[in-house]
């Protein structure tokens, strides 16, 4: 009958916990749904409420209209600002267009905005660690444009100039890689020994917890699949963190049907996680896809318990349709 064949290694999935929705995203998505329930469609949303293709498409089907600029919203309408936050100029634009507004900015982003305002009032130069062009960075920078300099990673530190090296503070985008941010901070401290740190870490608890879970699974995984959209900063960071933690391969997918069968070649352990703006139904789709290919054994890799919740935007407790028509005038 021929020689004995080697038993293939058992196939398993390491499933990160926590993963998926953070409190800020959950709040923002529910805020859009509640606004549609209370006020009917359309509810305009400036930029994607969160960076996830599926979530945006689902809300569009319910009557949300996503726009890039405030100028695209008809006067006398209701507009919601996304979880990433907006600059004060956007609030001014909305007022000029006589729009009723709902601010769904994540409270942790609002915290960074307030820090920026406070340090600017104290005449500090603020070094904002973040990615150029990201909506959160644009919003935070807009709070104190004359005081903020963007630092896009450790390689950018050499270009940074300040007025007074003894009055300089760093803040950061909430969705960055913890390790890369601290590398940037260390480089800034070498250049500016008097650099002041924010009162508490700006990188959000959910970003940190998801990265910690991926680090724990990374060394054991032949392949890590991160469910998330390409414009989601925290999802992209999870791929980088997985590779940095020792995973042999890592990919970002929006949906299970984007997984390439070729990635499974020679793979016995697959790590699965999802970004902070990803609903669990998309992770379930990936687990089902893997199960159909023999990856039925699922082990949870738990990094932290998350119980934090945020109350919904206060504007949802008002009659915004009446407010909008009053603002629009006769």
C-alpha atoms as a PDB file:
ATOM      1  CA  UNK A   1       0.000   0.000   0.000  1.00  0.00           C
ATOM      2  CA  UNK A   2       3.026   2.335   0.048  1.00  0.00           C
ATOM      3  CA  UNK A   3       4.739   4.135   2.920  1.00  0.00           C
ATOM      4  CA  UNK A   4       3.133   5.885   5.836  1.00  0.00           C
ATOM      5  CA  UNK A   5       2.102   9.505   5.236  1.00  0.00           C
ATOM      6  CA  UNK A   6       2.782  12.159   7.856  1.00  0.00           C
ATOM      7  CA  UNK A   7      -0.282  13.390   9.716  1.00  0.00           C
ATOM      8  CA  UNK A   8      -0.902  17.006   8.738  1.00  0.00           C
ATOM      9  CA  UNK A   9      -0.762  19.409  11.677  1.00  0.00           C
ATOM     10  CA  UNK A  10      -4.095  20.199  13.315  1.00  0.00           C
ATOM     11  CA  UNK A  11      -5.736  23.288  11.911  1.00  0.00           C
ATOM     12  CA  UNK A  12      -6.848  25.899  14.420  1.00  0.00           C
ATOM     13  CA  UNK A  13      -7.980  29.484  14.695  1.00  0.00           C
ATOM     14  CA  UNK A  14      -6.769  31.894  17.374  1.00  0.00           C
ATOM     15  CA  UNK A  15      -9.547  34.449  17.859  1.00  0.00           C
ATOM     16  CA  UNK A  16      -8.541  37.740  19.457  1.00  0.00           C
ATOM     17  CA  UNK A  17     -10.502  39.202  22.354  1.00  0.00           C
ATOM     18  CA  UNK A  18     -11.273  42.025  22.500  1.00  0.00           C
ATOM     19  CA  UNK A  19     -11.893  42.779  18.836  1.00  0.00           C
ATOM     20  CA  UNK A  20     -14.367  44.762  16.773  1.00  0.00           C
ATOM     21  CA  UNK A  21     -16.517  47.650  17.928  1.00  0.00           C
ATOM     22  CA  UNK A  22     -15.135  49.995  20.548  1.00  0.00           C
ATOM     23  CA  UNK A  23     -17.411  52.176  22.682  1.00  0.00           C
ATOM     24  CA  UNK A  24     -16.906  55.250  20.466  1.00  0.00           C
ATOM     25  CA  UNK A  25     -17.833  53.408  17.270  1.00  0.00           C
ATOM     26  CA  UNK A  26     -20.812  51.690  18.901  1.00  0.00           C
ATOM     27  CA  UNK A  27     -22.060  55.094  20.074  1.00  0.00           C
ATOM     28  CA  UNK A  28     -21.611  56.701  16.632  1.00  0.00           C
ATOM     29  CA  UNK A  29     -23.384  53.929  14.709  1.00  0.00           C
ATOM     30  CA  UNK A  30     -26.286  53.814  17.187  1.00  0.00           C
ATOM     31  CA  UNK A  31     -26.490  57.624  16.974  1.00  0.00           C
ATOM     32  CA  UNK A  32     -27.092  57.451  13.199  1.00  0.00           C
ATOM     33  CA  UNK A  33     -29.699  54.699  13.641  1.00  0.00           C
ATOM     34  CA  UNK A  34     -31.474  56.613  16.428  1.00  0.00           C
ATOM     35  CA  UNK A  35     -31.451  59.845  14.412  1.00  0.00           C
ATOM     36  CA  UNK A  36     -33.058  58.024  11.466  1.00  0.00           C
ATOM     37  CA  UNK A  37     -35.669  56.502  13.815  1.00  0.00           C
ATOM     38  CA  UNK A  38     -36.478  59.809  15.520  1.00  0.00           C
ATOM     39  CA  UNK A  39     -36.277  62.239  12.619  1.00  0.00           C
ATOM     40  CA  UNK A  40     -36.664  60.061   9.532  1.00  0.00           C
ATOM     41  CA  UNK A  41     -34.420  60.172   6.491  1.00  0.00           C
ATOM     42  CA  UNK A  42     -32.415  61.786   5.200  1.00  0.00           C
ATOM     43  CA  UNK A  43     -29.830  62.274   7.927  1.00  0.00           C
ATOM     44  CA  UNK A  44     -26.674  63.690   6.405  1.00  0.00           C
ATOM     45  CA  UNK A  45     -23.346  62.476   7.786  1.00  0.00           C
ATOM     46  CA  UNK A  46     -20.167  64.428   7.133  1.00  0.00           C
ATOM     47  CA  UNK A  47     -17.556  61.835   6.126  1.00  0.00           C
ATOM     48  CA  UNK A  48     -17.941  58.144   6.908  1.00  0.00           C
ATOM     49  CA  UNK A  49     -19.393  57.843  10.412  1.00  0.00           C
ATOM     50  CA  UNK A  50     -16.709  55.203  11.034  1.00  0.00           C
ATOM     51  CA  UNK A  51     -14.159  53.778   8.632  1.00  0.00           C
ATOM     52  CA  UNK A  52     -15.922  50.584   7.622  1.00  0.00           C
ATOM     53  CA  UNK A  53     -17.391  49.824   4.201  1.00  0.00           C
ATOM     54  CA  UNK A  54     -20.113  47.454   5.466  1.00  0.00           C
ATOM     55  CA  UNK A  55     -21.316  49.843   8.200  1.00  0.00           C
ATOM     56  CA  UNK A  56     -21.524  52.760   5.762  1.00  0.00           C
ATOM     57  CA  UNK A  57     -23.419  50.686   3.167  1.00  0.00           C
ATOM     58  CA  UNK A  58     -25.850  49.404   5.828  1.00  0.00           C
ATOM     59  CA  UNK A  59     -26.604  52.913   7.092  1.00  0.00           C
ATOM     60  CA  UNK A  60     -27.029  54.223   3.537  1.00  0.00           C
ATOM     61  CA  UNK A  61     -29.746  51.594   2.984  1.00  0.00           C
ATOM     62  CA  UNK A  62     -31.528  52.936   6.095  1.00  0.00           C
ATOM     63  CA  UNK A  63     -31.498  56.513   4.781  1.00  0.00           C
ATOM     64  CA  UNK A  64     -28.195  58.080   5.815  1.00  0.00           C
ATOM     65  CA  UNK A  65     -26.469  60.220   3.180  1.00  0.00           C
ATOM     66  CA  UNK A  66     -22.691  60.517   3.495  1.00  0.00           C
ATOM     67  CA  UNK A  67     -21.062  63.691   2.196  1.00  0.00           C
ATOM     68  CA  UNK A  68     -17.469  64.885   2.045  1.00  0.00           C
ATOM     69  CA  UNK A  69     -18.140  68.535   2.801  1.00  0.00           C
ATOM     70  CA  UNK A  70     -20.670  70.521   4.814  1.00  0.00           C
ATOM     71  CA  UNK A  71     -21.478  72.553   1.671  1.00  0.00           C
ATOM     72  CA  UNK A  72     -23.122  69.429   0.179  1.00  0.00           C
ATOM     73  CA  UNK A  73     -25.816  69.401   2.893  1.00  0.00           C
ATOM     74  CA  UNK A  74     -29.015  71.278   1.919  1.00  0.00           C
ATOM     75  CA  UNK A  75     -29.846  74.222   4.179  1.00  0.00           C
ATOM     76  CA  UNK A  76     -32.269  73.400   6.964  1.00  0.00           C
ATOM     77  CA  UNK A  77     -31.184  69.740   7.161  1.00  0.00           C
ATOM     78  CA  UNK A  78     -29.762  67.632   9.972  1.00  0.00           C
ATOM     79  CA  UNK A  79     -26.067  66.768   9.719  1.00  0.00           C
ATOM     80  CA  UNK A  80     -24.050  64.444  11.935  1.00  0.00           C
ATOM     81  CA  UNK A  81     -20.304  64.744  12.486  1.00  0.00           C
ATOM     82  CA  UNK A  82     -18.389  61.463  12.435  1.00  0.00           C
ATOM     83  CA  UNK A  83     -16.645  59.690  15.318  1.00  0.00           C
ATOM     84  CA  UNK A  84     -13.281  61.078  14.122  1.00  0.00           C
ATOM     85  CA  UNK A  85     -14.193  64.635  15.110  1.00  0.00           C
ATOM     86  CA  UNK A  86     -14.150  67.895  13.153  1.00  0.00           C
ATOM     87  CA  UNK A  87     -12.382  71.240  13.390  1.00  0.00           C
ATOM     88  CA  UNK A  88     -14.185  74.297  14.827  1.00  0.00           C
ATOM     89  CA  UNK A  89     -14.406  75.727  11.283  1.00  0.00           C
ATOM     90  CA  UNK A  90     -16.771  72.859  10.361  1.00  0.00           C
ATOM     91  CA  UNK A  91     -19.143  73.827  13.187  1.00  0.00           C
ATOM     92  CA  UNK A  92     -19.015  77.391  11.841  1.00  0.00           C
ATOM     93  CA  UNK A  93     -19.793  76.191   8.294  1.00  0.00           C
ATOM     94  CA  UNK A  94     -22.796  74.235   9.611  1.00  0.00           C
ATOM     95  CA  UNK A  95     -24.089  77.304  11.451  1.00  0.00           C
ATOM     96  CA  UNK A  96     -23.710  79.435   8.304  1.00  0.00           C
ATOM     97  CA  UNK A  97     -25.719  76.871   6.345  1.00  0.00           C
ATOM     98  CA  UNK A  98     -28.345  76.851   9.107  1.00  0.00           C
ATOM     99  CA  UNK A  99     -27.991  73.139   9.773  1.00  0.00           C
ATOM    100  CA  UNK A 100     -29.088  71.293  12.896  1.00  0.00           C
ATOM    101  CA  UNK A 101     -26.054  69.285  14.027  1.00  0.00           C
ATOM    102  CA  UNK A 102     -25.437  66.057  15.930  1.00  0.00           C
ATOM    103  CA  UNK A 103     -21.863  65.642  17.123  1.00  0.00           C
ATOM    104  CA  UNK A 104     -20.936  61.939  17.234  1.00  0.00           C
ATOM    105  CA  UNK A 105     -17.223  62.625  17.908  1.00  0.00           C
ATOM    106  CA  UNK A 106     -15.766  59.871  20.097  1.00  0.00           C
ATOM    107  CA  UNK A 107     -15.339  61.245  23.650  1.00  0.00           C
ATOM    108  CA  UNK A 108     -11.710  60.046  23.604  1.00  0.00           C
ATOM    109  CA  UNK A 109     -11.071  62.189  20.507  1.00  0.00           C
ATOM    110  CA  UNK A 110     -12.834  65.107  22.203  1.00  0.00           C
ATOM    111  CA  UNK A 111     -10.388  64.685  25.104  1.00  0.00           C
ATOM    112  CA  UNK A 112      -7.457  65.207  22.694  1.00  0.00           C
ATOM    113  CA  UNK A 113      -9.205  68.273  21.201  1.00  0.00           C
ATOM    114  CA  UNK A 114      -9.547  69.780  24.677  1.00  0.00           C
ATOM    115  CA  UNK A 115      -5.891  69.077  25.429  1.00  0.00           C
ATOM    116  CA  UNK A 116      -4.904  70.845  22.202  1.00  0.00           C
ATOM    117  CA  UNK A 117      -6.983  73.905  23.115  1.00  0.00           C
ATOM    118  CA  UNK A 118      -5.582  74.036  26.661  1.00  0.00           C
ATOM    119  CA  UNK A 119      -1.933  73.724  25.624  1.00  0.00           C
ATOM    120  CA  UNK A 120      -2.420  76.289  22.858  1.00  0.00           C
ATOM    121  CA  UNK A 121      -3.893  78.717  25.398  1.00  0.00           C
ATOM    122  CA  UNK A 122      -0.761  78.162  27.499  1.00  0.00           C
ATOM    123  CA  UNK A 123       1.287  78.988  24.358  1.00  0.00           C
ATOM    124  CA  UNK A 124       2.923  75.573  23.948  1.00  0.00           C
ATOM    125  CA  UNK A 125       4.091  74.263  20.609  1.00  0.00           C
ATOM    126  CA  UNK A 126       2.058  71.062  20.163  1.00  0.00           C
ATOM    127  CA  UNK A 127       3.612  68.132  18.306  1.00  0.00           C
ATOM    128  CA  UNK A 128       0.703  65.984  17.081  1.00  0.00           C
ATOM    129  CA  UNK A 129       1.804  62.441  16.282  1.00  0.00           C
ATOM    130  CA  UNK A 130      -0.443  61.072  13.543  1.00  0.00           C
ATOM    131  CA  UNK A 131      -0.986  60.355   9.875  1.00  0.00           C
ATOM    132  CA  UNK A 132      -1.273  63.257   7.478  1.00  0.00           C
ATOM    133  CA  UNK A 133      -4.715  63.570   5.906  1.00  0.00           C
ATOM    134  CA  UNK A 134      -6.488  61.365   8.471  1.00  0.00           C
ATOM    135  CA  UNK A 135      -9.823  62.928   9.480  1.00  0.00           C
ATOM    136  CA  UNK A 136      -9.007  62.782  13.174  1.00  0.00           C
ATOM    137  CA  UNK A 137      -5.712  64.612  12.634  1.00  0.00           C
ATOM    138  CA  UNK A 138      -7.443  67.292  10.517  1.00  0.00           C
ATOM    139  CA  UNK A 139     -10.038  67.815  13.265  1.00  0.00           C
ATOM    140  CA  UNK A 140      -7.496  68.030  16.108  1.00  0.00           C
ATOM    141  CA  UNK A 141      -5.166  70.306  14.128  1.00  0.00           C
ATOM    142  CA  UNK A 142      -8.093  72.629  13.474  1.00  0.00           C
ATOM    143  CA  UNK A 143      -8.491  73.265  17.212  1.00  0.00           C
ATOM    144  CA  UNK A 144      -5.182  75.158  17.339  1.00  0.00           C
ATOM    145  CA  UNK A 145      -3.720  75.431  13.825  1.00  0.00           C
ATOM    146  CA  UNK A 146      -1.119  78.047  14.780  1.00  0.00           C
ATOM    147  CA  UNK A 147       0.306  75.867  17.541  1.00  0.00           C
ATOM    148  CA  UNK A 148       0.195  72.348  16.076  1.00  0.00           C
ATOM    149  CA  UNK A 149       2.892  70.628  14.019  1.00  0.00           C
ATOM    150  CA  UNK A 150       2.148  67.165  12.642  1.00  0.00           C
ATOM    151  CA  UNK A 151       4.787  64.489  13.260  1.00  0.00           C
ATOM    152  CA  UNK A 152       4.112  61.510  10.982  1.00  0.00           C
ATOM    153  CA  UNK A 153       6.261  58.802  12.589  1.00  0.00           C
ATOM    154  CA  UNK A 154       9.826  58.656  13.938  1.00  0.00           C
ATOM    155  CA  UNK A 155      11.401  59.486  10.573  1.00  0.00           C
ATOM    156  CA  UNK A 156       9.635  62.848  10.613  1.00  0.00           C
ATOM    157  CA  UNK A 157      11.263  64.005  13.869  1.00  0.00           C
ATOM    158  CA  UNK A 158      14.385  65.398  12.169  1.00  0.00           C
ATOM    159  CA  UNK A 159      12.217  67.995  10.361  1.00  0.00           C
ATOM    160  CA  UNK A 160      10.472  69.293  13.490  1.00  0.00           C
ATOM    161  CA  UNK A 161      11.209  72.838  14.598  1.00  0.00           C
ATOM    162  CA  UNK A 162       9.729  74.651  17.611  1.00  0.00           C
ATOM    163  CA  UNK A 163       9.849  78.204  18.954  1.00  0.00           C
ATOM    164  CA  UNK A 164      10.923  77.280  22.480  1.00  0.00           C
ATOM    165  CA  UNK A 165      12.205  73.762  23.278  1.00  0.00           C
ATOM    166  CA  UNK A 166      11.126  74.287  26.913  1.00  0.00           C
ATOM    167  CA  UNK A 167       7.470  74.831  25.949  1.00  0.00           C
ATOM    168  CA  UNK A 168       6.660  71.856  23.783  1.00  0.00           C
ATOM    169  CA  UNK A 169       4.144  69.034  24.335  1.00  0.00           C
ATOM    170  CA  UNK A 170       3.158  65.939  22.348  1.00  0.00           C
ATOM    171  CA  UNK A 171      -0.357  64.656  21.645  1.00  0.00           C
ATOM    172  CA  UNK A 172      -1.391  61.817  19.343  1.00  0.00           C
ATOM    173  CA  UNK A 173      -4.067  60.454  17.074  1.00  0.00           C
ATOM    174  CA  UNK A 174      -6.059  57.866  19.067  1.00  0.00           C
ATOM    175  CA  UNK A 175      -5.735  54.972  16.590  1.00  0.00           C
ATOM    176  CA  UNK A 176      -1.963  54.604  16.151  1.00  0.00           C
ATOM    177  CA  UNK A 177       0.417  51.747  16.829  1.00  0.00           C
ATOM    178  CA  UNK A 178       1.380  52.053  20.502  1.00  0.00           C
ATOM    179  CA  UNK A 179       4.950  50.898  19.819  1.00  0.00           C
ATOM    180  CA  UNK A 180       5.572  53.203  16.868  1.00  0.00           C
ATOM    181  CA  UNK A 181       4.099  56.158  18.766  1.00  0.00           C
ATOM    182  CA  UNK A 182       6.429  55.585  21.714  1.00  0.00           C
ATOM    183  CA  UNK A 183       9.331  55.267  19.269  1.00  0.00           C
ATOM    184  CA  UNK A 184       8.347  58.691  17.895  1.00  0.00           C
ATOM    185  CA  UNK A 185       8.009  60.114  21.417  1.00  0.00           C
ATOM    186  CA  UNK A 186      11.468  58.781  22.360  1.00  0.00           C
ATOM    187  CA  UNK A 187      12.976  60.422  19.273  1.00  0.00           C
ATOM    188  CA  UNK A 188      11.218  63.699  20.121  1.00  0.00           C
ATOM    189  CA  UNK A 189      12.480  63.543  23.730  1.00  0.00           C
ATOM    190  CA  UNK A 190      16.029  63.068  22.480  1.00  0.00           C
ATOM    191  CA  UNK A 191      15.652  66.198  20.347  1.00  0.00           C
ATOM    192  CA  UNK A 192      13.621  68.153  22.937  1.00  0.00           C
ATOM    193  CA  UNK A 193      14.538  66.946  26.474  1.00  0.00           C
ATOM    194  CA  UNK A 194      11.948  69.308  27.967  1.00  0.00           C
ATOM    195  CA  UNK A 195       9.089  67.678  26.012  1.00  0.00           C
ATOM    196  CA  UNK A 196       5.884  67.504  28.072  1.00  0.00           C
ATOM    197  CA  UNK A 197       3.604  64.439  27.847  1.00  0.00           C
ATOM    198  CA  UNK A 198      -0.208  64.669  27.843  1.00  0.00           C
ATOM    199  CA  UNK A 199      -1.917  64.108  31.223  1.00  0.00           C
ATOM    200  CA  UNK A 200      -2.994  60.638  30.063  1.00  0.00           C
ATOM    201  CA  UNK A 201      -2.196  58.470  27.068  1.00  0.00           C
ATOM    202  CA  UNK A 202      -4.019  59.674  23.938  1.00  0.00           C
ATOM    203  CA  UNK A 203      -4.061  56.277  22.171  1.00  0.00           C
ATOM    204  CA  UNK A 204      -7.461  54.858  23.011  1.00  0.00           C
ATOM    205  CA  UNK A 205      -7.957  51.851  25.285  1.00  0.00           C
ATOM    206  CA  UNK A 206      -9.581  49.845  22.458  1.00  0.00           C
ATOM    207  CA  UNK A 207      -6.688  50.411  20.048  1.00  0.00           C
ATOM    208  CA  UNK A 208      -4.216  49.308  22.726  1.00  0.00           C
ATOM    209  CA  UNK A 209      -6.239  46.244  23.770  1.00  0.00           C
ATOM    210  CA  UNK A 210      -6.668  45.035  20.183  1.00  0.00           C
ATOM    211  CA  UNK A 211      -2.952  45.427  19.532  1.00  0.00           C
ATOM    212  CA  UNK A 212      -2.076  43.559  22.752  1.00  0.00           C
ATOM    213  CA  UNK A 213      -4.285  40.609  21.752  1.00  0.00           C
ATOM    214  CA  UNK A 214      -2.672  40.477  18.300  1.00  0.00           C
ATOM    215  CA  UNK A 215       0.808  40.538  19.865  1.00  0.00           C
ATOM    216  CA  UNK A 216      -0.161  37.557  22.021  1.00  0.00           C
ATOM    217  CA  UNK A 217      -1.338  35.510  19.032  1.00  0.00           C
ATOM    218  CA  UNK A 218       1.174  36.788  16.467  1.00  0.00           C
ATOM    219  CA  UNK A 219       4.117  34.581  17.399  1.00  0.00           C
ATOM    220  CA  UNK A 220       1.971  31.430  17.144  1.00  0.00           C
ATOM    221  CA  UNK A 221       0.156  32.322  13.925  1.00  0.00           C
ATOM    222  CA  UNK A 222       1.230  31.305  10.435  1.00  0.00           C
ATOM    223  CA  UNK A 223      -1.339  33.760   9.092  1.00  0.00           C
ATOM    224  CA  UNK A 224      -3.276  36.615  10.703  1.00  0.00           C
ATOM    225  CA  UNK A 225      -6.474  37.866   9.065  1.00  0.00           C
ATOM    226  CA  UNK A 226      -7.546  41.326  10.198  1.00  0.00           C
ATOM    227  CA  UNK A 227     -11.128  42.211   9.311  1.00  0.00           C
ATOM    228  CA  UNK A 228     -11.345  45.916   8.542  1.00  0.00           C
ATOM    229  CA  UNK A 229     -11.323  48.565   5.823  1.00  0.00           C
ATOM    230  CA  UNK A 230      -8.206  49.947   4.185  1.00  0.00           C
ATOM    231  CA  UNK A 231      -9.011  53.517   5.294  1.00  0.00           C
ATOM    232  CA  UNK A 232      -9.293  52.391   8.945  1.00  0.00           C
ATOM    233  CA  UNK A 233      -6.090  53.455  10.666  1.00  0.00           C
ATOM    234  CA  UNK A 234      -6.470  51.100  13.638  1.00  0.00           C
ATOM    235  CA  UNK A 235      -7.195  48.118  11.340  1.00  0.00           C
ATOM    236  CA  UNK A 236      -4.120  48.800   9.188  1.00  0.00           C
ATOM    237  CA  UNK A 237      -2.029  49.051  12.387  1.00  0.00           C
ATOM    238  CA  UNK A 238      -3.222  45.569  13.469  1.00  0.00           C
ATOM    239  CA  UNK A 239      -1.665  44.046  10.331  1.00  0.00           C
ATOM    240  CA  UNK A 240       1.631  45.794  11.116  1.00  0.00           C
ATOM    241  CA  UNK A 241       1.508  44.727  14.769  1.00  0.00           C
ATOM    242  CA  UNK A 242       0.827  41.083  13.788  1.00  0.00           C
ATOM    243  CA  UNK A 243       3.856  40.978  11.495  1.00  0.00           C
ATOM    244  CA  UNK A 244       5.972  42.735  14.129  1.00  0.00           C
ATOM    245  CA  UNK A 245       4.910  40.134  16.716  1.00  0.00           C
ATOM    246  CA  UNK A 246       6.167  37.256  14.554  1.00  0.00           C
ATOM    247  CA  UNK A 247       3.232  36.246  12.367  1.00  0.00           C
ATOM    248  CA  UNK A 248       4.550  34.798   9.114  1.00  0.00           C
ATOM    249  CA  UNK A 249       1.863  36.533   7.059  1.00  0.00           C
ATOM    250  CA  UNK A 250      -0.972  39.006   7.704  1.00  0.00           C
ATOM    251  CA  UNK A 251      -3.719  40.509   5.537  1.00  0.00           C
ATOM    252  CA  UNK A 252      -6.538  43.028   5.833  1.00  0.00           C
ATOM    253  CA  UNK A 253      -9.945  42.112   4.384  1.00  0.00           C
ATOM    254  CA  UNK A 254     -13.358  43.765   4.454  1.00  0.00           C
ATOM    255  CA  UNK A 255     -15.243  40.522   3.814  1.00  0.00           C
ATOM    256  CA  UNK A 256     -14.545  36.769   3.906  1.00  0.00           C
ATOM    257  CA  UNK A 257     -14.748  36.503   0.112  1.00  0.00           C
ATOM    258  CA  UNK A 258     -11.618  38.653  -0.154  1.00  0.00           C
ATOM    259  CA  UNK A 259      -9.496  35.936   1.486  1.00  0.00           C
ATOM    260  CA  UNK A 260      -7.166  34.255  -0.998  1.00  0.00           C
ATOM    261  CA  UNK A 261      -7.065  30.450  -0.676  1.00  0.00           C
ATOM    262  CA  UNK A 262      -3.354  30.626  -1.519  1.00  0.00           C
ATOM    263  CA  UNK A 263      -2.725  32.304   1.854  1.00  0.00           C
ATOM    264  CA  UNK A 264      -3.603  28.993   3.556  1.00  0.00           C
ATOM    265  CA  UNK A 265      -0.822  27.035   1.878  1.00  0.00           C
ATOM    266  CA  UNK A 266       1.281  25.364   4.590  1.00  0.00           C
ATOM    267  CA  UNK A 267      -0.754  27.122   7.305  1.00  0.00           C
ATOM    268  CA  UNK A 268      -1.958  25.321  10.418  1.00  0.00           C
ATOM    269  CA  UNK A 269      -2.697  28.275  12.726  1.00  0.00           C
ATOM    270  CA  UNK A 270      -4.722  31.324  11.633  1.00  0.00           C
ATOM    271  CA  UNK A 271      -5.124  34.343  13.894  1.00  0.00           C
ATOM    272  CA  UNK A 272      -8.326  36.349  13.422  1.00  0.00           C
ATOM    273  CA  UNK A 273      -9.134  39.812  14.745  1.00  0.00           C
ATOM    274  CA  UNK A 274     -11.014  42.912  13.655  1.00  0.00           C
ATOM    275  CA  UNK A 275     -10.584  46.666  13.825  1.00  0.00           C
ATOM    276  CA  UNK A 276     -12.514  48.886  16.213  1.00  0.00           C
ATOM    277  CA  UNK A 277     -15.086  49.864  13.563  1.00  0.00           C
ATOM    278  CA  UNK A 278     -15.968  46.311  12.468  1.00  0.00           C
ATOM    279  CA  UNK A 279     -19.286  44.613  13.343  1.00  0.00           C
ATOM    280  CA  UNK A 280     -19.045  41.033  14.604  1.00  0.00           C
ATOM    281  CA  UNK A 281     -21.111  39.668  11.685  1.00  0.00           C
ATOM    282  CA  UNK A 282     -18.071  40.185   9.414  1.00  0.00           C
ATOM    283  CA  UNK A 283     -15.804  38.216  11.764  1.00  0.00           C
ATOM    284  CA  UNK A 284     -18.386  35.427  11.867  1.00  0.00           C
ATOM    285  CA  UNK A 285     -18.246  35.323   8.066  1.00  0.00           C
ATOM    286  CA  UNK A 286     -14.463  34.829   8.171  1.00  0.00           C
ATOM    287  CA  UNK A 287     -14.732  32.097  10.829  1.00  0.00           C
ATOM    288  CA  UNK A 288     -17.342  30.301   8.688  1.00  0.00           C
ATOM    289  CA  UNK A 289     -15.090  30.584   5.615  1.00  0.00           C
ATOM    290  CA  UNK A 290     -12.167  29.084   7.566  1.00  0.00           C
ATOM    291  CA  UNK A 291     -14.357  26.370   9.098  1.00  0.00           C
ATOM    292  CA  UNK A 292     -15.364  25.206   5.617  1.00  0.00           C
ATOM    293  CA  UNK A 293     -11.646  24.710   4.902  1.00  0.00           C
ATOM    294  CA  UNK A 294     -10.907  22.619   7.975  1.00  0.00           C
ATOM    295  CA  UNK A 295     -10.170  25.370  10.505  1.00  0.00           C
ATOM    296  CA  UNK A 296     -12.924  24.406  12.945  1.00  0.00           C
ATOM    297  CA  UNK A 297     -11.018  24.503  16.239  1.00  0.00           C
ATOM    298  CA  UNK A 298     -11.288  28.058  17.634  1.00  0.00           C
ATOM    299  CA  UNK A 299      -9.285  29.211  20.673  1.00  0.00           C
ATOM    300  CA  UNK A 300      -9.865  32.625  22.266  1.00  0.00           C
ATOM    301  CA  UNK A 301      -6.785  34.766  22.955  1.00  0.00           C
ATOM    302  CA  UNK A 302      -7.938  37.192  25.637  1.00  0.00           C
ATOM    303  CA  UNK A 303      -5.945  40.364  26.337  1.00  0.00           C
ATOM    304  CA  UNK A 304      -8.441  42.430  28.323  1.00  0.00           C
ATOM    305  CA  UNK A 305     -12.028  42.847  29.499  1.00  0.00           C
ATOM    306  CA  UNK A 306     -13.859  45.850  28.065  1.00  0.00           C
ATOM    307  CA  UNK A 307     -16.901  47.289  29.813  1.00  0.00           C
ATOM    308  CA  UNK A 308     -16.681  50.987  28.886  1.00  0.00           C
ATOM    309  CA  UNK A 309     -19.728  52.613  27.273  1.00  0.00           C
ATOM    310  CA  UNK A 310     -20.501  56.195  26.243  1.00  0.00           C
ATOM    311  CA  UNK A 311     -23.883  57.925  26.410  1.00  0.00           C
ATOM    312  CA  UNK A 312     -25.435  58.985  23.102  1.00  0.00           C
ATOM    313  CA  UNK A 313     -24.951  62.553  21.785  1.00  0.00           C
ATOM    314  CA  UNK A 314     -27.132  64.986  23.764  1.00  0.00           C
ATOM    315  CA  UNK A 315     -28.610  66.378  20.534  1.00  0.00           C
ATOM    316  CA  UNK A 316     -30.661  63.175  20.146  1.00  0.00           C
ATOM    317  CA  UNK A 317     -32.744  64.333  23.111  1.00  0.00           C
ATOM    318  CA  UNK A 318     -34.021  67.391  21.184  1.00  0.00           C
ATOM    319  CA  UNK A 319     -36.508  67.873  18.352  1.00  0.00           C
ATOM    320  CA  UNK A 320     -33.927  68.524  15.654  1.00  0.00           C
ATOM    321  CA  UNK A 321     -36.372  68.571  12.719  1.00  0.00           C
ATOM    322  CA  UNK A 322     -38.164  71.535  14.331  1.00  0.00           C
ATOM    323  CA  UNK A 323     -34.796  73.107  15.071  1.00  0.00           C
ATOM    324  CA  UNK A 324     -33.660  72.603  11.474  1.00  0.00           C
ATOM    325  CA  UNK A 325     -36.769  74.188   9.997  1.00  0.00           C
ATOM    326  CA  UNK A 326     -36.519  77.084  12.454  1.00  0.00           C
ATOM    327  CA  UNK A 327     -32.879  77.635  11.466  1.00  0.00           C
ATOM    328  CA  UNK A 328     -33.802  77.539   7.779  1.00  0.00           C
ATOM    329  CA  UNK A 329     -36.276  80.337   8.421  1.00  0.00           C
ATOM    330  CA  UNK A 330     -39.350  81.288   6.391  1.00  0.00           C
END
